Amino acid sequence: MRSVESARVIPGRGIEGDRYFAGIGTFSPTPQRPDFEITFIAQEAIDTFVAESGMAFTGKDARRNVVTRGIDLNALVGREFLVGEIRFRGLRLCEPCHYLSKITAPAVLRGLVHRGGLRTRILTEGEIRVGDKIQSV
């Protein structure tokens, strides 16, 4: 896990350089599926979990691709949205899993239920950047 200022996203593949793009992620499906292209999590959800649990937990610990601020990700399930000029479709919630609880803490299973992020399909190719505006289409 590492933070970057920008990333190239490609429909049907994911984020260039990501382990799921290469098909070697822990849960990489064969063939690749759209809900493994890119994941988002809200910083507000992380902050709430930290406040409730007292744990030190960051966006890096959440193991999602993009950390957002100021957008209700759950409301984007089944909807198209833009990050900068790149179009995405929210597919389903990205609920916390046993693997995440194993490498962080068991409390994440309950603490991030329904606020663990969003699994998303990439609809247009291009570059997303830190600070890009996120808006519904």
Protein backbone atom coordinates (compact mmCIF):
# COMPACT_ATOMS: atom_id res chain seq x y z
CA MET A 1 0.00 0.00 0.00
CA ARG A 2 1.30 3.40 -0.96
CA SER A 3 -0.13 6.82 -1.54
CA VAL A 4 0.20 8.44 -4.97
CA GLU A 5 -0.78 11.86 -6.33
CA SER A 6 -2.35 10.41 -9.49
CA ALA A 7 -3.25 7.07 -11.04
CA ARG A 8 -4.19 5.88 -14.51
CA VAL A 9 -7.43 3.88 -14.61
CA ILE A 10 -8.41 1.54 -17.43
CA PRO A 11 -11.88 0.04 -17.96
CA GLY A 12 -11.96 -3.73 -17.55
CA ARG A 13 -8.56 -3.75 -15.84
CA GLY A 14 -8.37 -1.34 -12.92
CA ILE A 15 -5.56 0.92 -11.75
CA GLU A 16 -2.37 0.62 -13.74
CA GLY A 17 0.29 -0.86 -11.44
CA ASP A 18 -2.21 -2.24 -8.90
CA ARG A 19 -2.00 -5.91 -7.90
CA TYR A 20 -5.57 -6.52 -9.13
CA PHE A 21 -4.70 -4.91 -12.48
CA ALA A 22 -2.00 -7.58 -12.77
CA GLY A 23 -4.40 -10.30 -11.59
CA ILE A 24 -2.27 -11.14 -8.53
CA GLY A 25 -4.36 -9.60 -5.73
CA THR A 26 -5.30 -11.81 -2.79
CA PHE A 27 -8.81 -12.27 -4.18
CA SER A 28 -8.18 -11.74 -7.91
CA PRO A 29 -11.03 -13.43 -9.79
CA THR A 30 -10.43 -15.28 -13.03
CA PRO A 31 -11.68 -13.92 -15.33
CA GLN A 32 -11.47 -10.40 -13.96
CA ARG A 33 -14.75 -8.90 -12.74
CA PRO A 34 -15.81 -5.23 -12.80
CA ASP A 35 -16.27 -5.06 -9.01
CA PHE A 36 -12.54 -5.66 -8.58
CA GLU A 37 -11.44 -2.71 -10.75
CA ILE A 38 -11.29 0.03 -8.10
CA THR A 39 -12.52 0.57 -4.54
CA PHE A 40 -13.33 3.77 -2.65
CA ILE A 41 -13.73 4.50 1.07
CA ALA A 42 -14.82 7.71 2.79
CA GLN A 43 -12.40 9.35 5.20
CA GLU A 44 -15.44 10.17 7.34
CA ALA A 45 -16.15 6.43 7.74
CA ILE A 46 -12.56 5.84 8.81
CA ASP A 47 -12.74 8.75 11.27
CA THR A 48 -16.00 7.44 12.77
CA PHE A 49 -14.54 3.96 13.16
CA VAL A 50 -11.44 5.38 14.88
CA ALA A 51 -13.59 7.48 17.23
CA GLU A 52 -15.85 4.53 18.12
CA SER A 53 -13.13 1.90 18.45
CA GLY A 54 -10.24 3.95 19.81
CA MET A 55 -7.99 2.12 17.34
CA ALA A 56 -5.32 3.66 15.20
CA PHE A 57 -6.71 2.97 11.72
CA THR A 58 -5.98 4.81 8.47
CA GLY A 59 -6.94 4.78 4.82
CA LYS A 60 -3.90 2.59 4.20
CA ASP A 61 -5.20 0.07 6.75
CA ALA A 62 -8.59 0.00 4.99
CA ARG A 63 -6.86 -1.35 1.84
CA ARG A 64 -9.11 0.57 -0.55
CA ASN A 65 -7.74 2.27 -3.64
CA VAL A 66 -9.16 5.76 -3.15
CA VAL A 67 -9.97 7.64 0.05
CA THR A 68 -12.67 10.28 -0.47
CA ARG A 69 -14.01 13.18 1.55
CA GLY A 70 -17.42 14.84 1.44
CA ILE A 71 -19.37 12.29 -0.63
CA ASP A 72 -21.87 9.61 0.44
CA LEU A 73 -20.40 6.56 -1.28
CA ASN A 74 -23.30 4.28 -0.30
CA ALA A 75 -25.63 6.54 -2.31
CA LEU A 76 -23.56 5.79 -5.43
CA VAL A 77 -24.45 2.08 -5.60
CA GLY A 78 -26.03 1.57 -9.02
CA ARG A 79 -25.20 5.12 -10.13
CA GLU A 80 -22.64 6.73 -12.39
CA PHE A 81 -20.31 9.41 -11.06
CA LEU A 82 -17.22 11.35 -12.04
CA VAL A 83 -13.85 11.67 -10.38
CA GLY A 84 -12.47 14.68 -12.18
CA GLU A 85 -13.41 13.83 -15.77
CA ILE A 86 -13.27 10.03 -15.41
CA ARG A 87 -16.59 8.17 -15.27
CA PHE A 88 -17.32 5.30 -12.88
CA ARG A 89 -20.33 3.18 -11.88
CA GLY A 90 -20.86 2.20 -8.25
CA LEU A 91 -21.59 -1.54 -8.21
CA ARG A 92 -21.91 -2.61 -4.58
CA LEU A 93 -20.72 -1.86 -1.09
CA CYS A 94 -17.22 -3.03 -0.24
CA GLU A 95 -17.94 -4.63 3.10
CA PRO A 96 -15.05 -5.51 5.43
CA CYS A 97 -13.88 -9.12 5.12
CA HIS A 98 -12.21 -11.66 7.37
CA TYR A 99 -8.88 -11.09 5.63
CA LEU A 100 -9.00 -7.38 6.52
CA SER A 101 -9.88 -8.22 10.13
CA LYS A 102 -7.02 -10.72 10.26
CA ILE A 103 -4.38 -8.22 9.11
CA THR A 104 -5.77 -5.29 11.15
CA ALA A 105 -8.15 -6.15 14.02
CA PRO A 106 -11.36 -8.18 14.44
CA ALA A 107 -13.22 -4.96 15.32
CA VAL A 108 -13.22 -3.86 11.66
CA LEU A 109 -15.79 -6.52 10.76
CA ARG A 110 -18.51 -4.87 12.82
CA GLY A 111 -17.04 -1.38 12.88
CA LEU A 112 -17.03 -0.88 9.11
CA VAL A 113 -20.23 -2.74 8.16
CA HIS A 114 -22.10 -0.67 5.54
CA ARG A 115 -19.34 1.95 5.59
CA GLY A 116 -16.39 -0.07 4.33
CA GLY A 117 -16.48 1.56 0.93
CA LEU A 118 -17.70 1.09 -2.62
CA ARG A 119 -16.74 -1.41 -5.35
CA THR A 120 -16.71 0.39 -8.65
CA ARG A 121 -16.47 -0.22 -12.38
CA ILE A 122 -14.28 2.11 -14.44
CA LEU A 123 -16.20 3.38 -17.48
CA THR A 124 -13.66 5.72 -19.11
CA GLU A 125 -9.89 5.61 -19.29
CA GLY A 126 -7.71 8.33 -17.89
CA GLU A 127 -5.94 9.88 -14.95
CA ILE A 128 -7.47 10.53 -11.52
CA ARG A 129 -5.67 12.87 -9.12
CA VAL A 130 -5.67 13.80 -5.47
CA GLY A 131 -8.09 16.69 -5.10
CA ASP A 132 -10.30 15.76 -8.08
CA LYS A 133 -13.93 16.64 -7.48
CA ILE A 134 -16.35 13.72 -7.17
CA GLN A 135 -19.87 14.30 -8.47
CA SER A 136 -22.92 12.28 -9.46
CA VAL A 137 -23.83 12.23 -13.13
